[in-house]
Every structure is written in C-alpha cells, then in structure tokens.
Amino acid sequence: MAQALDSTAVRKISAEPTGAAKIFQFHRRTNILHSVFTLKSRIQV
C-alpha cells in the first residue's frame, strides 16, 4: 500500500515539476521564517 502511494506521488511530482518546486520553496520559506522567529524569541528571553 505504502509503495503504491509513493510511486503515485513520485509520478505526480515528476509530472508537475513546477508544482513540486513551488511546494518545496514554500516549505523552505516557512522553515526560514520559523527559525528566525525562534531566534528572536530566544534573544528576548
């Protein structure tokens, strides 16, 4: 079951490289914002 889902996800990602790239960029951006936010809160404390 998991393997079937993985192959389908891989096919979708390879079929839509721009969509996958957008999702990846979005995740990276939120991660950067989150790390900056945690750093700021640590400095305040």
PDB file of N, CA and C in Angstrom:
ATOM      1  N   MET A   1       0.841  -1.207   0.000  1.00  0.00           N
ATOM      2  CA  MET A   1       0.000   0.000   0.000  1.00  0.00           C
ATOM      3  C   MET A   1       0.879   1.262   0.000  1.00  0.00           C
ATOM      4  N   ALA A   2       1.823   1.314   0.919  1.00  0.00           N
ATOM      5  CA  ALA A   2       2.682   2.497   1.010  1.00  0.00           C
ATOM      6  C   ALA A   2       3.498   2.670  -0.268  1.00  0.00           C
ATOM      7  N   GLN A   3       3.992   1.552  -0.806  1.00  0.00           N
ATOM      8  CA  GLN A   3       4.791   1.625  -2.038  1.00  0.00           C
ATOM      9  C   GLN A   3       3.958   2.172  -3.190  1.00  0.00           C
ATOM     10  N   ALA A   4       2.713   1.722  -3.286  1.00  0.00           N
ATOM     11  CA  ALA A   4       1.828   2.197  -4.356  1.00  0.00           C
ATOM     12  C   ALA A   4       1.602   3.705  -4.227  1.00  0.00           C
ATOM     13  N   LEU A   5       1.388   4.175  -3.020  1.00  0.00           N
ATOM     14  CA  LEU A   5       1.185   5.603  -2.794  1.00  0.00           C
ATOM     15  C   LEU A   5       2.441   6.379  -3.158  1.00  0.00           C
ATOM     16  N   ASP A   6       3.610   5.856  -2.761  1.00  0.00           N
ATOM     17  CA  ASP A   6       4.871   6.527  -3.064  1.00  0.00           C
ATOM     18  C   ASP A   6       5.061   6.677  -4.571  1.00  0.00           C
ATOM     19  N   SER A   7       4.837   5.584  -5.317  1.00  0.00           N
ATOM     20  CA  SER A   7       5.031   5.637  -6.774  1.00  0.00           C
ATOM     21  C   SER A   7       4.062   6.635  -7.408  1.00  0.00           C
ATOM     22  N   THR A   8       2.833   6.696  -6.903  1.00  0.00           N
ATOM     23  CA  THR A   8       1.862   7.650  -7.441  1.00  0.00           C
ATOM     24  C   THR A   8       2.315   9.079  -7.150  1.00  0.00           C
ATOM     25  N   ALA A   9       2.799   9.318  -5.941  1.00  0.00           N
ATOM     26  CA  ALA A   9       3.273  10.648  -5.565  1.00  0.00           C
ATOM     27  C   ALA A   9       4.470  11.042  -6.420  1.00  0.00           C
ATOM     28  N   VAL A  10       5.380  10.091  -6.625  1.00  0.00           N
ATOM     29  CA  VAL A  10       6.565  10.369  -7.452  1.00  0.00           C
ATOM     30  C   VAL A  10       6.134  10.716  -8.874  1.00  0.00           C
ATOM     31  N   ARG A  11       5.165   9.974  -9.402  1.00  0.00           N
ATOM     32  CA  ARG A  11       4.677  10.248 -10.765  1.00  0.00           C
ATOM     33  C   ARG A  11       4.063  11.638 -10.838  1.00  0.00           C
ATOM     34  N   LYS A  12       3.286  11.988  -9.847  1.00  0.00           N
ATOM     35  CA  LYS A  12       2.655  13.320  -9.840  1.00  0.00           C
ATOM     36  C   LYS A  12       3.720  14.412  -9.782  1.00  0.00           C
ATOM     37  N   ILE A  13       4.723  14.208  -8.923  1.00  0.00           N
ATOM     38  CA  ILE A  13       5.783  15.208  -8.763  1.00  0.00           C
ATOM     39  C   ILE A  13       6.565  15.356 -10.064  1.00  0.00           C
ATOM     40  N   SER A  14       6.924  14.215 -10.689  1.00  0.00           N
ATOM     41  CA  SER A  14       7.685  14.272 -11.942  1.00  0.00           C
ATOM     42  C   SER A  14       6.829  14.861 -13.058  1.00  0.00           C
ATOM     43  N   ALA A  15       5.520  14.665 -12.982  1.00  0.00           N
ATOM     44  CA  ALA A  15       4.613  15.219 -13.989  1.00  0.00           C
ATOM     45  C   ALA A  15       4.441  16.723 -13.794  1.00  0.00           C
ATOM     46  N   GLU A  16       4.517  17.180 -12.552  1.00  0.00           N
ATOM     47  CA  GLU A  16       4.365  18.611 -12.257  1.00  0.00           C
ATOM     48  C   GLU A  16       5.607  19.124 -11.529  1.00  0.00           C
ATOM     49  N   PRO A  17       6.715  19.313 -12.249  1.00  0.00           N
ATOM     50  CA  PRO A  17       7.941  19.765 -11.585  1.00  0.00           C
ATOM     51  C   PRO A  17       7.804  21.167 -10.992  1.00  0.00           C
ATOM     52  N   THR A  18       7.036  22.028 -11.669  1.00  0.00           N
ATOM     53  CA  THR A  18       6.877  23.396 -11.174  1.00  0.00           C
ATOM     54  C   THR A  18       6.087  23.401  -9.873  1.00  0.00           C
ATOM     55  N   GLY A  19       5.038  22.581  -9.810  1.00  0.00           N
ATOM     56  CA  GLY A  19       4.231  22.496  -8.594  1.00  0.00           C
ATOM     57  C   GLY A  19       5.055  21.989  -7.431  1.00  0.00           C
ATOM     58  N   ALA A  20       5.863  20.965  -7.686  1.00  0.00           N
ATOM     59  CA  ALA A  20       6.706  20.404  -6.632  1.00  0.00           C
ATOM     60  C   ALA A  20       7.721  21.443  -6.173  1.00  0.00           C
ATOM     61  N   ALA A  21       8.285  22.188  -7.120  1.00  0.00           N
ATOM     62  CA  ALA A  21       9.274  23.209  -6.782  1.00  0.00           C
ATOM     63  C   ALA A  21       8.631  24.303  -5.932  1.00  0.00           C
ATOM     64  N   LYS A  22       7.402  24.686  -6.294  1.00  0.00           N
ATOM     65  CA  LYS A  22       6.695  25.714  -5.522  1.00  0.00           C
ATOM     66  C   LYS A  22       6.459  25.244  -4.095  1.00  0.00           C
ATOM     67  N   ILE A  23       6.019  23.986  -3.951  1.00  0.00           N
ATOM     68  CA  ILE A  23       5.775  23.442  -2.612  1.00  0.00           C
ATOM     69  C   ILE A  23       7.074  23.420  -1.819  1.00  0.00           C
ATOM     70  N   PHE A  24       8.168  22.993  -2.479  1.00  0.00           N
ATOM     71  CA  PHE A  24       9.470  22.918  -1.805  1.00  0.00           C
ATOM     72  C   PHE A  24       9.915  24.304  -1.358  1.00  0.00           C
ATOM     73  N   GLN A  25       9.784  25.300  -2.248  1.00  0.00           N
ATOM     74  CA  GLN A  25      10.167  26.665  -1.904  1.00  0.00           C
ATOM     75  C   GLN A  25       9.330  27.183  -0.738  1.00  0.00           C
ATOM     76  N   PHE A  26       8.024  26.872  -0.755  1.00  0.00           N
ATOM     77  CA  PHE A  26       7.135  27.323   0.310  1.00  0.00           C
ATOM     78  C   PHE A  26       7.567  26.736   1.645  1.00  0.00           C
ATOM     79  N   HIS A  27       7.878  25.434   1.655  1.00  0.00           N
ATOM     80  CA  HIS A  27       8.320  24.783   2.885  1.00  0.00           C
ATOM     81  C   HIS A  27       9.627  25.392   3.367  1.00  0.00           C
ATOM     82  N   ARG A  28      10.549  25.659   2.435  1.00  0.00           N
ATOM     83  CA  ARG A  28      11.829  26.245   2.812  1.00  0.00           C
ATOM     84  C   ARG A  28      11.615  27.629   3.418  1.00  0.00           C
ATOM     85  N   ARG A  29      10.738  28.407   2.806  1.00  0.00           N
ATOM     86  CA  ARG A  29      10.470  29.766   3.291  1.00  0.00           C
ATOM     87  C   ARG A  29       9.892  29.722   4.698  1.00  0.00           C
ATOM     88  N   THR A  30       8.927  28.843   4.938  1.00  0.00           N
ATOM     89  CA  THR A  30       8.311  28.754   6.260  1.00  0.00           C
ATOM     90  C   THR A  30       9.331  28.277   7.284  1.00  0.00           C
ATOM     91  N   ASN A  31      10.236  27.379   6.876  1.00  0.00           N
ATOM     92  CA  ASN A  31      11.263  26.900   7.792  1.00  0.00           C
ATOM     93  C   ASN A  31      12.191  28.036   8.188  1.00  0.00           C
ATOM     94  N   ILE A  32      12.578  28.872   7.215  1.00  0.00           N
ATOM     95  CA  ILE A  32      13.461  30.010   7.487  1.00  0.00           C
ATOM     96  C   ILE A  32      12.760  30.986   8.425  1.00  0.00           C
ATOM     97  N   LEU A  33      11.490  31.289   8.129  1.00  0.00           N
ATOM     98  CA  LEU A  33      10.734  32.204   8.983  1.00  0.00           C
ATOM     99  C   LEU A  33      10.632  31.656  10.397  1.00  0.00           C
ATOM    100  N   HIS A  34      10.389  30.358  10.513  1.00  0.00           N
ATOM    101  CA  HIS A  34      10.254  29.724  11.820  1.00  0.00           C
ATOM    102  C   HIS A  34      11.559  29.822  12.601  1.00  0.00           C
ATOM    103  N   SER A  35      12.692  29.554  11.942  1.00  0.00           N
ATOM    104  CA  SER A  35      13.981  29.607  12.631  1.00  0.00           C
ATOM    105  C   SER A  35      14.297  31.037  13.068  1.00  0.00           C
ATOM    106  N   VAL A  36      13.978  32.007  12.215  1.00  0.00           N
ATOM    107  CA  VAL A  36      14.203  33.415  12.569  1.00  0.00           C
ATOM    108  C   VAL A  36      13.342  33.791  13.768  1.00  0.00           C
ATOM    109  N   PHE A  37      12.088  33.351  13.752  1.00  0.00           N
ATOM    110  CA  PHE A  37      11.161  33.655  14.841  1.00  0.00           C
ATOM    111  C   PHE A  37      11.662  33.070  16.157  1.00  0.00           C
ATOM    112  N   THR A  38      12.143  31.816  16.132  1.00  0.00           N
ATOM    113  CA  THR A  38      12.639  31.174  17.353  1.00  0.00           C
ATOM    114  C   THR A  38      13.893  31.883  17.840  1.00  0.00           C
ATOM    115  N   LEU A  39      14.752  32.313  16.918  1.00  0.00           N
ATOM    116  CA  LEU A  39      15.970  33.028  17.309  1.00  0.00           C
ATOM    117  C   LEU A  39      15.604  34.340  17.999  1.00  0.00           C
ATOM    118  N   LYS A  40      14.644  35.071  17.443  1.00  0.00           N
ATOM    119  CA  LYS A  40      14.217  36.344  18.029  1.00  0.00           C
ATOM    120  C   LYS A  40      13.668  36.130  19.433  1.00  0.00           C
ATOM    121  N   SER A  41      12.831  35.110  19.598  1.00  0.00           N
ATOM    122  CA  SER A  41      12.236  34.852  20.909  1.00  0.00           C
ATOM    123  C   SER A  41      13.319  34.459  21.913  1.00  0.00           C
ATOM    124  N   ARG A  42      14.328  33.734  21.473  1.00  0.00           N
ATOM    125  CA  ARG A  42      15.423  33.339  22.370  1.00  0.00           C
ATOM    126  C   ARG A  42      16.211  34.556  22.819  1.00  0.00           C
ATOM    127  N   ILE A  43      16.447  35.482  21.887  1.00  0.00           N
ATOM    128  CA  ILE A  43      17.208  36.689  22.213  1.00  0.00           C
ATOM    129  C   ILE A  43      16.440  37.523  23.240  1.00  0.00           C
ATOM    130  N   GLN A  44      15.121  37.621  23.074  1.00  0.00           N
ATOM    131  CA  GLN A  44      14.307  38.402  24.002  1.00  0.00           C
ATOM    132  C   GLN A  44      14.385  37.824  25.410  1.00  0.00           C
ATOM    133  N   VAL A  45      14.414  36.506  25.521  1.00  0.00           N
ATOM    134  CA  VAL A  45      14.490  35.851  26.833  1.00  0.00           C
ATOM    135  C   VAL A  45      15.935  35.950  27.309  1.00  0.00           C
TER     136      VAL A  45
END
